[in-house]
């Protein structure tokens, strides 16, 4: 009887030698004349344990990690094929505290299944949402999504159902579904994990959106830095097409929908929806003025739904289990679950899907385990390079859209990057301005020129010119109010939060005197 061993082919696992581990297991099994079947799954999201090797046993899947190729012979010696004890053993995977404490809805299959096995996907309740959708009227689909309280998971938190209804009500001979999979924020990897670990859920979500709004064509826009995600998505789309999930008749219905992957060159500004649409059309990736909204005049001037990967991948469970089921998770106006990406100077970095409502302190100290360096936490940046820096004094902030906005921050794509007390917050403020200057599309003056002036002004402060601090504050106010898109408009968040919460790092004259 063959023993099934799981070795991830997620990019994070590949980066630390997963292919070598899989090859070593195959060689060792052959040398010992043992029948082993290796499945290359996605990542479970416990990145500090990668490469995480799992073995299917009578008591469930048992985990070992982080495994290197050189560890494989000793794993066989310890009887890991039957769940034997070893220094890298963690017991039953589902019982590992980091995983056990999660509420996995969007990521329910990620790390569990073979990403390209449609049989696996169906076995773990895949396609249930789409099967429900093809039997429903488009208006009923939109009502389910609206009533669920799902909001855009890409940053702005705009209600998904309202966006869909705008596209559905628009009159046009062609409509599009565009998935924003550009994922340019530092410390974020949830989109990539879904594309590499559970691609069919994204396909299913896009197909449901298409039926709801009357679109027949879809595009996944991602970046060239994601070669593994691109390859897996392309293969999954081909499989879905052959299975009748995509094409002229979605699951045998009267609805037609097909899709493809398009690859951008990695410009950060193309994560903004109108820049993305320009790039998708083969134009320079620069911001469009709004109105008109993409929902009315989007791709090629047609009504277009532009949603993030997490938004679309959350739709199947809503259609399968109902709006109320999803809505019951979360707090306030933040409903459902959010895949939080823990990164930076942290012991337990990885992906943690949970209902809205945990505090920032719980995420960093209890779930993340505090700093890897063992030094005190000084700052946590939430929401990518344009997110605000939060000091430990704000660790009681609840992880939901309104609470973060009230505290002067934003959730964004839910990336959490931790810094210990060695970080220089003036240098971080300079980085934010420099990042904006480099990544600006150049369309508007506050962003194009403001970011360059911002770098110069921070450099003046670094040389001890305290009179430049009010100028920096004024510059940030101009960028926030006058920029066309969030790149220039949100760059003041990290700069001003650094200045507000860590003023000592900006007092260079005092430092010199000391």
Protein backbone atom coordinates (compact mmCIF):
# COMPACT_ATOMS: atom_id res chain seq x y z
CA UNK A 1 0.00 0.00 0.00
CA UNK A 2 1.37 3.39 -1.04
CA UNK A 3 2.01 6.06 1.60
CA UNK A 4 1.14 9.62 0.58
CA UNK A 5 3.66 12.35 1.36
CA UNK A 6 2.96 16.03 0.79
CA UNK A 7 5.76 18.43 -0.19
CA UNK A 8 4.74 22.01 -1.06
CA UNK A 9 5.56 23.60 -4.38
CA UNK A 10 4.57 27.05 -3.16
CA UNK A 11 7.21 29.67 -4.01
CA UNK A 12 8.09 30.16 -0.33
CA UNK A 13 8.84 26.45 0.03
CA UNK A 14 10.70 26.29 -3.28
CA UNK A 15 12.90 29.16 -2.10
CA UNK A 16 14.20 27.03 0.78
CA UNK A 17 14.74 23.82 -1.20
CA UNK A 18 11.37 22.04 -1.47
CA UNK A 19 12.24 20.53 -4.85
CA UNK A 20 15.42 19.05 -3.38
CA UNK A 21 13.45 17.66 -0.44
CA UNK A 22 10.91 16.01 -2.76
CA UNK A 23 13.70 14.50 -4.86
CA UNK A 24 15.47 13.22 -1.74
CA UNK A 25 12.28 11.54 -0.48
CA UNK A 26 11.77 9.90 -3.86
CA UNK A 27 15.36 8.62 -3.93
CA UNK A 28 15.28 7.38 -0.34
CA UNK A 29 11.97 5.58 -0.85
CA UNK A 30 13.32 3.87 -3.97
CA UNK A 31 16.54 2.83 -2.18
CA UNK A 32 14.49 1.29 0.65
CA UNK A 33 12.00 -0.30 -1.75
CA UNK A 34 9.09 1.62 -0.21
CA UNK A 35 5.96 2.64 -2.10
CA UNK A 36 5.60 6.41 -1.65
CA UNK A 37 3.35 8.80 -3.58
CA UNK A 38 4.46 12.43 -3.44
CA UNK A 39 1.87 15.16 -3.85
CA UNK A 40 3.11 18.69 -4.44
CA UNK A 41 0.56 20.75 -2.52
CA UNK A 42 0.38 24.46 -1.71
CA UNK A 43 1.73 25.94 1.50
CA UNK A 44 -0.14 25.79 4.80
CA UNK A 45 1.19 29.28 5.46
CA UNK A 46 3.46 28.41 8.40
CA UNK A 47 6.47 29.83 6.63
CA UNK A 48 8.96 29.36 9.46
CA UNK A 49 8.41 25.58 9.07
CA UNK A 50 9.03 25.42 5.34
CA UNK A 51 9.83 23.05 3.81
CA UNK A 52 6.88 21.48 5.69
CA UNK A 53 6.57 17.79 4.84
CA UNK A 54 3.34 15.99 5.73
CA UNK A 55 2.49 12.30 5.77
CA UNK A 56 -1.02 10.90 5.56
CA UNK A 57 -1.54 8.47 8.46
CA UNK A 58 -4.47 6.78 10.22
CA UNK A 59 -4.56 9.60 12.77
CA UNK A 60 -4.47 12.33 10.14
CA UNK A 61 -1.71 14.21 8.37
CA UNK A 62 1.45 14.47 10.46
CA UNK A 63 3.86 17.37 9.95
CA UNK A 64 7.65 17.61 9.88
CA UNK A 65 9.59 20.79 9.35
CA UNK A 66 11.57 22.71 8.47
CA UNK A 67 12.95 19.81 6.41
CA UNK A 68 16.11 20.00 4.34
CA UNK A 69 17.18 17.35 1.84
CA UNK A 70 19.88 16.25 4.27
CA UNK A 71 17.21 15.48 6.90
CA UNK A 72 15.38 12.95 4.73
CA UNK A 73 17.39 9.78 5.59
CA UNK A 74 16.88 10.39 9.32
CA UNK A 75 13.15 10.90 8.75
CA UNK A 76 12.93 7.47 7.13
CA UNK A 77 15.01 5.98 9.94
CA UNK A 78 12.55 7.44 12.46
CA UNK A 79 9.58 5.89 10.65
CA UNK A 80 8.05 9.17 9.55
CA UNK A 81 5.94 7.35 6.94
CA UNK A 82 3.81 6.10 9.81
CA UNK A 83 4.04 9.33 11.84
CA UNK A 84 7.13 8.37 13.85
CA UNK A 85 8.80 10.74 16.29
CA UNK A 86 11.67 12.92 15.07
CA UNK A 87 13.28 16.20 16.15
CA UNK A 88 11.41 17.90 13.26
CA UNK A 89 8.04 16.34 14.14
CA UNK A 90 5.09 18.58 15.05
CA UNK A 91 2.37 15.96 15.42
CA UNK A 92 -0.94 16.14 13.59
CA UNK A 93 -0.83 19.18 11.31
CA UNK A 94 -4.33 20.37 12.14
CA UNK A 95 -3.40 20.52 15.84
CA UNK A 96 -0.44 22.88 15.42
CA UNK A 97 -1.53 25.97 17.42
CA UNK A 98 -0.84 28.46 14.62
CA UNK A 99 -3.13 26.49 12.30
CA UNK A 100 -5.68 25.30 14.85
CA UNK A 101 -6.56 28.84 15.94
CA UNK A 102 -7.53 29.97 12.43
CA UNK A 103 -10.91 30.22 10.74
CA UNK A 104 -10.08 29.09 7.24
CA UNK A 105 -12.81 29.87 4.70
CA UNK A 106 -10.95 31.34 1.73
CA UNK A 107 -7.87 29.20 2.46
CA UNK A 108 -9.73 26.03 3.46
CA UNK A 109 -8.03 23.95 0.75
CA UNK A 110 -4.70 25.76 0.50
CA UNK A 111 -1.94 23.37 1.53
CA UNK A 112 -4.44 20.52 1.77
CA UNK A 113 -5.02 19.58 -1.87
CA UNK A 114 -3.08 19.06 -5.06
CA UNK A 115 -3.62 22.52 -6.62
CA UNK A 116 -4.16 21.09 -10.11
CA UNK A 117 -6.42 18.19 -9.17
CA UNK A 118 -10.02 19.01 -10.02
CA UNK A 119 -10.98 15.77 -8.29
CA UNK A 120 -9.34 17.02 -5.09
CA UNK A 121 -11.06 20.37 -5.46
CA UNK A 122 -14.48 18.79 -5.80
CA UNK A 123 -13.78 16.40 -2.89
CA UNK A 124 -13.13 19.37 -0.59
CA UNK A 125 -16.41 21.13 -1.52
CA UNK A 126 -15.07 23.00 -4.52
CA UNK A 127 -17.55 24.16 -7.22
CA UNK A 128 -20.47 24.09 -4.76
CA UNK A 129 -20.77 27.86 -5.01
CA UNK A 130 -20.71 27.90 -8.81
CA UNK A 131 -23.21 25.05 -8.96
CA UNK A 132 -25.53 27.13 -6.80
CA UNK A 133 -24.90 30.26 -8.88
CA UNK A 134 -25.85 28.73 -12.25
CA UNK A 135 -29.24 27.82 -10.78
CA UNK A 136 -29.86 31.35 -9.47
CA UNK A 137 -30.91 34.60 -11.09
CA UNK A 138 -28.05 37.11 -11.37
CA UNK A 139 -29.85 39.49 -9.02
CA UNK A 140 -30.04 36.79 -6.36
CA UNK A 141 -26.30 36.13 -6.64
CA UNK A 142 -25.61 39.83 -6.10
CA UNK A 143 -27.99 39.90 -3.16
CA UNK A 144 -26.09 37.04 -1.51
CA UNK A 145 -22.77 38.82 -1.99
CA UNK A 146 -24.20 42.16 -0.80
CA UNK A 147 -25.92 40.64 2.23
CA UNK A 148 -22.71 38.80 3.20
CA UNK A 149 -21.04 42.14 3.88
CA UNK A 150 -18.02 41.22 1.74
CA UNK A 151 -15.79 44.23 1.17
CA UNK A 152 -12.82 44.57 -1.15
CA UNK A 153 -9.82 42.80 0.33
CA UNK A 154 -7.32 44.71 -1.80
CA UNK A 155 -7.18 47.86 0.27
CA UNK A 156 -10.11 50.26 0.05
CA UNK A 157 -12.69 47.94 1.62
CA UNK A 158 -15.44 48.98 -0.83
CA UNK A 159 -18.58 46.79 -0.66
CA UNK A 160 -18.24 44.12 -3.34
CA UNK A 161 -21.97 43.75 -4.00
CA UNK A 162 -22.40 47.47 -4.76
CA UNK A 163 -19.58 47.38 -7.31
CA UNK A 164 -21.11 44.31 -8.96
CA UNK A 165 -24.56 45.92 -9.13
CA UNK A 166 -23.13 49.00 -10.84
CA UNK A 167 -21.64 46.80 -13.56
CA UNK A 168 -24.77 44.65 -13.81
CA UNK A 169 -27.00 47.70 -14.30
CA UNK A 170 -24.75 49.23 -16.98
CA UNK A 171 -25.89 48.74 -20.59
CA UNK A 172 -23.17 47.36 -22.86
CA UNK A 173 -22.53 44.67 -25.45
CA UNK A 174 -19.48 43.43 -23.52
CA UNK A 175 -18.55 43.34 -19.85
CA UNK A 176 -15.39 42.12 -18.13
CA UNK A 177 -14.20 40.62 -14.87
CA UNK A 178 -10.65 41.69 -14.02
CA UNK A 179 -8.81 40.13 -11.11
CA UNK A 180 -6.18 42.38 -9.59
CA UNK A 181 -3.44 39.90 -8.66
CA UNK A 182 -0.61 42.43 -8.87
CA UNK A 183 0.13 42.17 -5.11
CA UNK A 184 2.92 44.71 -4.91
CA UNK A 185 2.79 45.46 -1.18
CA UNK A 186 5.80 44.50 0.91
CA UNK A 187 5.04 41.70 3.35
CA UNK A 188 2.07 40.35 1.35
CA UNK A 189 1.75 36.96 -0.27
CA UNK A 190 -1.88 35.84 0.15
CA UNK A 191 -2.76 36.30 -3.54
CA UNK A 192 0.27 34.30 -4.60
CA UNK A 193 -0.57 31.53 -2.13
CA UNK A 194 -4.09 31.18 -3.52
CA UNK A 195 -2.91 31.16 -7.13
CA UNK A 196 -0.24 28.57 -6.38
CA UNK A 197 -2.14 26.54 -3.79
CA UNK A 198 -5.84 26.66 -4.77
CA UNK A 199 -6.22 28.19 -8.25
CA UNK A 200 -9.67 26.72 -8.92
CA UNK A 201 -11.23 28.81 -6.12
CA UNK A 202 -10.20 31.98 -7.96
CA UNK A 203 -11.55 30.63 -11.25
CA UNK A 204 -14.80 29.71 -9.51
CA UNK A 205 -15.13 33.13 -7.90
CA UNK A 206 -14.55 34.92 -11.20
CA UNK A 207 -17.10 32.70 -12.97
CA UNK A 208 -19.71 33.49 -10.29
CA UNK A 209 -19.00 37.22 -10.65
CA UNK A 210 -19.36 36.94 -14.42
CA UNK A 211 -22.77 35.27 -14.16
CA UNK A 212 -23.91 37.91 -11.67
CA UNK A 213 -23.04 40.92 -13.83
CA UNK A 214 -23.38 39.47 -17.33
CA UNK A 215 -19.68 39.37 -18.23
CA UNK A 216 -18.31 36.80 -20.68
CA UNK A 217 -14.60 37.51 -20.49
CA UNK A 218 -12.14 37.64 -17.60
CA UNK A 219 -8.50 38.47 -17.01
CA UNK A 220 -6.15 37.80 -14.13
CA UNK A 221 -3.54 40.55 -14.07
CA UNK A 222 -0.42 39.58 -12.15
CA UNK A 223 3.26 40.44 -12.09
CA UNK A 224 6.23 38.84 -13.84
CA UNK A 225 7.83 38.20 -10.43
CA UNK A 226 5.25 35.42 -9.89
CA UNK A 227 6.35 32.77 -12.42
CA UNK A 228 5.08 29.79 -10.40
CA UNK A 229 1.68 31.38 -9.84
CA UNK A 230 1.42 32.25 -13.53
CA UNK A 231 2.23 28.71 -14.64
CA UNK A 232 -0.21 27.09 -12.19
CA UNK A 233 -3.04 29.51 -13.02
CA UNK A 234 -2.59 28.94 -16.74
CA UNK A 235 -2.67 25.18 -16.29
CA UNK A 236 -5.69 25.37 -13.97
CA UNK A 237 -7.59 27.51 -16.50
CA UNK A 238 -6.88 24.93 -19.22
CA UNK A 239 -8.13 22.13 -16.93
CA UNK A 240 -11.26 24.13 -16.06
CA UNK A 241 -11.92 24.78 -19.74
CA UNK A 242 -11.66 21.07 -20.61
CA UNK A 243 -14.01 20.24 -17.72
CA UNK A 244 -16.68 22.66 -18.90
CA UNK A 245 -16.24 25.04 -15.97
CA UNK A 246 -15.18 27.72 -18.45
CA UNK A 247 -16.25 28.20 -22.04
CA UNK A 248 -19.47 28.62 -24.02
CA UNK A 249 -21.55 26.86 -21.38
CA UNK A 250 -20.42 27.19 -17.75
CA UNK A 251 -21.29 23.89 -16.04
CA UNK A 252 -23.79 23.18 -18.80
CA UNK A 253 -25.69 26.45 -18.22
CA UNK A 254 -26.67 29.19 -20.64
CA UNK A 255 -23.87 31.39 -19.29
CA UNK A 256 -20.63 31.77 -21.25
CA UNK A 257 -17.39 32.82 -19.56
CA UNK A 258 -13.73 32.36 -20.37
CA UNK A 259 -10.58 33.89 -18.95
CA UNK A 260 -6.82 34.18 -19.26
CA UNK A 261 -3.74 35.38 -17.38
CA UNK A 262 -2.01 38.59 -18.37
CA UNK A 263 1.42 39.50 -16.98
CA UNK A 264 2.61 43.00 -16.10
CA UNK A 265 6.18 44.16 -15.68
CA UNK A 266 5.93 44.73 -11.93
CA UNK A 267 5.09 48.43 -11.63
CA UNK A 268 3.70 49.11 -8.15
CA UNK A 269 1.25 51.67 -9.48
CA UNK A 270 -0.39 48.98 -11.61
CA UNK A 271 -1.94 47.69 -8.43
CA UNK A 272 -4.21 50.75 -8.74
CA UNK A 273 -7.19 49.67 -10.80
CA UNK A 274 -7.10 52.27 -13.56
CA UNK A 275 -3.33 51.91 -14.07
CA UNK A 276 -3.89 48.17 -14.21
CA UNK A 277 -6.55 48.59 -16.89
CA UNK A 278 -4.24 50.78 -18.98
CA UNK A 279 -1.49 48.16 -18.71
CA UNK A 280 -3.96 45.41 -19.58
CA UNK A 281 -4.88 47.32 -22.73
CA UNK A 282 -1.21 47.48 -23.70
CA UNK A 283 -0.78 51.09 -22.73
CA UNK A 284 1.59 52.75 -20.27
CA UNK A 285 0.53 51.99 -16.71
CA UNK A 286 -0.60 55.42 -15.57
CA UNK A 287 -3.56 56.47 -13.47
CA UNK A 288 -6.81 57.51 -15.12
CA UNK A 289 -8.87 60.37 -13.73
CA UNK A 290 -12.17 59.30 -12.18
CA UNK A 291 -14.99 59.63 -13.13
CA UNK A 292 -15.76 57.69 -15.21
CA UNK A 293 -15.54 54.72 -12.85
CA UNK A 294 -14.16 51.43 -14.20
CA UNK A 295 -17.50 49.85 -13.29
CA UNK A 296 -19.01 51.96 -16.08
CA UNK A 297 -16.07 52.56 -18.42
CA UNK A 298 -13.30 50.12 -17.58
CA UNK A 299 -11.37 47.73 -19.79
CA UNK A 300 -11.57 48.88 -23.42
CA UNK A 301 -14.19 51.39 -22.29
CA UNK A 302 -16.64 48.67 -21.20
CA UNK A 303 -18.25 48.06 -17.77
CA UNK A 304 -15.71 46.14 -15.71
CA UNK A 305 -15.60 44.49 -12.28
CA UNK A 306 -12.11 44.96 -10.86
CA UNK A 307 -11.69 42.89 -7.70
CA UNK A 308 -8.71 41.65 -5.72
CA UNK A 309 -7.85 37.93 -5.57
CA UNK A 310 -9.05 37.64 -1.96
CA UNK A 311 -12.39 39.26 -2.76
CA UNK A 312 -13.11 36.90 -5.65
CA UNK A 313 -11.77 33.82 -3.83
CA UNK A 314 -14.16 34.57 -0.93
CA UNK A 315 -17.24 34.45 -3.16
CA UNK A 316 -17.57 30.65 -3.60
CA UNK A 317 -18.02 29.97 0.12
CA UNK A 318 -20.67 32.72 0.31
CA UNK A 319 -22.69 31.14 -2.53
CA UNK A 320 -22.20 27.67 -1.07
CA UNK A 321 -23.00 28.36 2.60
CA UNK A 322 -25.08 31.50 2.37
CA UNK A 323 -24.71 35.19 3.07
CA UNK A 324 -25.61 34.92 6.74
CA UNK A 325 -22.99 32.24 7.40
CA UNK A 326 -20.25 34.55 6.10
CA UNK A 327 -21.68 37.70 7.65
CA UNK A 328 -21.68 36.19 11.14
CA UNK A 329 -17.88 36.29 11.21
CA UNK A 330 -16.18 39.58 12.09
CA UNK A 331 -16.99 42.77 13.98
CA UNK A 332 -18.80 46.02 13.22
CA UNK A 333 -18.95 46.63 9.48
CA UNK A 334 -16.04 44.26 8.80
CA UNK A 335 -17.64 40.92 7.99
CA UNK A 336 -16.15 37.54 7.17
CA UNK A 337 -12.53 36.51 7.47
CA UNK A 338 -9.32 38.24 6.51
CA UNK A 339 -6.06 36.47 5.54
CA UNK A 340 -3.44 38.34 7.55
CA UNK A 341 0.14 38.06 6.36
CA UNK A 342 2.67 38.23 9.21
CA UNK A 343 6.18 39.20 8.15
CA UNK A 344 9.30 41.10 9.11
CA UNK A 345 11.17 40.54 12.37
CA UNK A 346 8.82 37.84 13.68
CA UNK A 347 9.29 34.32 15.03
CA UNK A 348 6.24 32.85 13.35
CA UNK A 349 5.80 34.56 10.03
CA UNK A 350 3.11 33.31 7.69
CA UNK A 351 -0.52 33.51 6.70
CA UNK A 352 -3.20 33.58 9.39
CA UNK A 353 -6.84 33.62 8.28
CA UNK A 354 -9.23 34.73 10.97
CA UNK A 355 -12.44 36.66 11.48
CA UNK A 356 -12.02 40.42 11.87
CA UNK A 357 -11.73 41.33 15.53
CA UNK A 358 -8.33 40.32 16.87
CA UNK A 359 -6.13 43.11 18.18
CA UNK A 360 -2.82 44.06 16.61
CA UNK A 361 -1.06 43.00 19.81
CA UNK A 362 -2.59 39.51 19.68
CA UNK A 363 -1.42 39.13 16.09
CA UNK A 364 2.14 40.25 16.78
CA UNK A 365 2.82 38.81 20.24
CA UNK A 366 0.52 35.80 20.64
CA UNK A 367 0.22 34.48 17.09
CA UNK A 368 3.46 35.82 15.62
CA UNK A 369 5.44 35.00 18.76
CA UNK A 370 7.15 38.38 19.05
CA UNK A 371 10.38 39.33 17.34
CA UNK A 372 12.78 36.75 15.94
CA UNK A 373 15.67 38.85 17.25
CA UNK A 374 14.27 38.68 20.79
CA UNK A 375 14.43 42.47 21.08
CA UNK A 376 11.37 44.61 21.91
CA UNK A 377 8.94 45.51 19.14
CA UNK A 378 9.26 49.16 18.19
CA UNK A 379 6.92 49.52 15.23
CA UNK A 380 4.49 47.52 13.12
CA UNK A 381 3.55 48.61 9.61
CA UNK A 382 0.13 47.42 8.45
CA UNK A 383 -1.06 47.74 4.86
CA UNK A 384 2.14 47.60 2.81
CA UNK A 385 4.69 50.34 2.09
CA UNK A 386 1.93 52.97 2.21
CA UNK A 387 0.59 51.78 5.56
CA UNK A 388 0.98 53.59 8.86
CA UNK A 389 3.48 52.58 11.54
CA UNK A 390 1.85 51.58 14.82
CA UNK A 391 3.79 51.64 18.11
CA UNK A 392 3.10 49.09 20.91
CA UNK A 393 0.93 51.75 22.57
CA UNK A 394 -1.64 51.13 19.80
CA UNK A 395 -1.53 47.33 20.01
CA UNK A 396 -5.06 47.28 21.39
CA UNK A 397 -6.34 48.46 17.97
CA UNK A 398 -8.87 45.95 16.67
CA UNK A 399 -8.18 44.54 13.22
CA UNK A 400 -11.10 45.97 11.28
CA UNK A 401 -11.41 48.69 8.66
CA UNK A 402 -13.03 51.37 10.81
CA UNK A 403 -10.82 50.85 13.87
CA UNK A 404 -7.66 51.18 11.80
CA UNK A 405 -8.96 54.26 10.01
CA UNK A 406 -9.81 55.85 13.37
CA UNK A 407 -6.23 55.20 14.54
CA UNK A 408 -4.78 56.86 11.45
CA UNK A 409 -3.98 53.69 9.56
CA UNK A 410 -5.34 51.33 6.95
CA UNK A 411 -5.62 47.56 6.65
CA UNK A 412 -4.89 47.51 2.94
CA UNK A 413 -4.03 44.00 1.80
CA UNK A 414 -3.55 42.97 5.46
CA UNK A 415 0.22 42.74 5.42
CA UNK A 416 1.77 43.12 8.88
CA UNK A 417 5.52 43.88 8.99
CA UNK A 418 7.24 43.93 12.39
CA UNK A 419 10.34 45.95 13.36
CA UNK A 420 12.33 45.70 16.58
CA UNK A 421 13.88 48.58 18.53
CA UNK A 422 16.92 48.87 16.24
CA UNK A 423 14.87 50.42 13.42
CA UNK A 424 15.41 54.09 12.55
CA UNK A 425 11.98 55.55 11.86
CA UNK A 426 13.36 58.62 10.09
CA UNK A 427 15.01 56.23 7.64
CA UNK A 428 11.67 54.46 7.22
CA UNK A 429 9.97 57.79 6.47
CA UNK A 430 12.63 58.52 3.87
CA UNK A 431 12.10 55.07 2.35
CA UNK A 432 8.37 55.79 1.94
CA UNK A 433 9.05 59.00 0.04
CA UNK A 434 11.80 57.41 -2.05
CA UNK A 435 9.54 54.45 -2.86
CA UNK A 436 6.82 56.82 -4.04
CA UNK A 437 9.30 58.81 -6.13
CA UNK A 438 10.55 55.68 -7.87
CA UNK A 439 7.15 54.06 -8.39
CA UNK A 440 5.13 57.17 -9.33
CA UNK A 441 3.54 56.95 -12.76
CA UNK A 442 4.14 60.68 -13.16
CA UNK A 443 0.54 61.58 -14.00
CA UNK A 444 -0.05 64.06 -11.15
CA UNK A 445 2.21 66.72 -9.69
CA UNK A 446 1.64 66.08 -5.95
CA UNK A 447 2.95 62.54 -6.30
CA UNK A 448 5.57 63.05 -9.05
CA UNK A 449 7.19 66.14 -7.55
CA UNK A 450 6.01 65.85 -3.95
CA UNK A 451 7.78 62.56 -3.32
CA UNK A 452 11.10 63.92 -4.64
CA UNK A 453 10.75 67.01 -2.45
CA UNK A 454 9.84 64.64 0.40
CA UNK A 455 13.14 62.79 0.15
CA UNK A 456 15.02 66.10 0.13
CA UNK A 457 13.06 67.37 3.14
CA UNK A 458 13.66 64.21 5.20
CA UNK A 459 17.36 64.50 4.35
CA UNK A 460 17.33 68.06 5.73
CA UNK A 461 15.81 66.77 8.96
CA UNK A 462 18.46 64.05 9.10
CA UNK A 463 21.14 66.75 8.94
CA UNK A 464 19.60 68.39 12.00
CA UNK A 465 17.37 70.99 10.36
CA UNK A 466 14.33 70.82 12.66
CA UNK A 467 12.72 73.72 10.75
CA UNK A 468 12.10 71.29 7.90
CA UNK A 469 9.61 69.24 9.98
CA UNK A 470 6.67 71.65 9.44
CA UNK A 471 7.53 71.67 5.74
CA UNK A 472 7.34 67.86 5.67
CA UNK A 473 3.95 67.99 7.38
CA UNK A 474 2.65 70.53 4.85
CA UNK A 475 4.02 68.47 1.96
CA UNK A 476 2.27 65.36 3.26
CA UNK A 477 -1.01 67.26 3.52
CA UNK A 478 -0.67 68.36 -0.11
CA UNK A 479 0.12 64.85 -1.33
CA UNK A 480 -2.75 63.34 0.65
CA UNK A 481 -5.32 65.81 -0.64
CA UNK A 482 -4.09 66.38 -4.17
CA UNK A 483 -2.84 63.08 -5.56
CA UNK A 484 -4.90 61.27 -8.18
CA UNK A 485 -4.50 57.83 -6.64
CA UNK A 486 -3.51 56.07 -3.44
CA UNK A 487 0.22 55.95 -4.26
CA UNK A 488 0.72 59.64 -3.65
CA UNK A 489 -2.34 59.94 -1.42
CA UNK A 490 -1.28 57.25 1.04
CA UNK A 491 2.49 57.87 1.14
CA UNK A 492 1.87 60.41 3.97
CA UNK A 493 0.54 57.58 6.17
CA UNK A 494 3.94 55.97 6.91
CA UNK A 495 5.71 59.35 6.96
CA UNK A 496 3.31 61.10 9.34
CA UNK A 497 2.81 58.07 11.59
CA UNK A 498 6.59 57.75 11.95
CA UNK A 499 6.83 61.45 12.80
CA UNK A 500 3.85 61.35 15.19
CA UNK A 501 4.66 58.17 17.12
CA UNK A 502 8.47 58.27 17.03
CA UNK A 503 9.43 61.96 17.25
CA UNK A 504 12.75 61.18 18.96
CA UNK A 505 14.01 59.56 15.75
CA UNK A 506 13.52 62.90 13.95
CA UNK A 507 15.34 65.00 16.56
CA UNK A 508 18.82 64.68 15.10
CA UNK A 509 20.21 67.68 16.99
CA UNK A 510 19.30 66.04 20.30
CA UNK A 511 20.90 62.78 19.16
CA UNK A 512 24.09 64.59 18.20
CA UNK A 513 24.23 66.30 21.60
CA UNK A 514 23.82 62.99 23.39
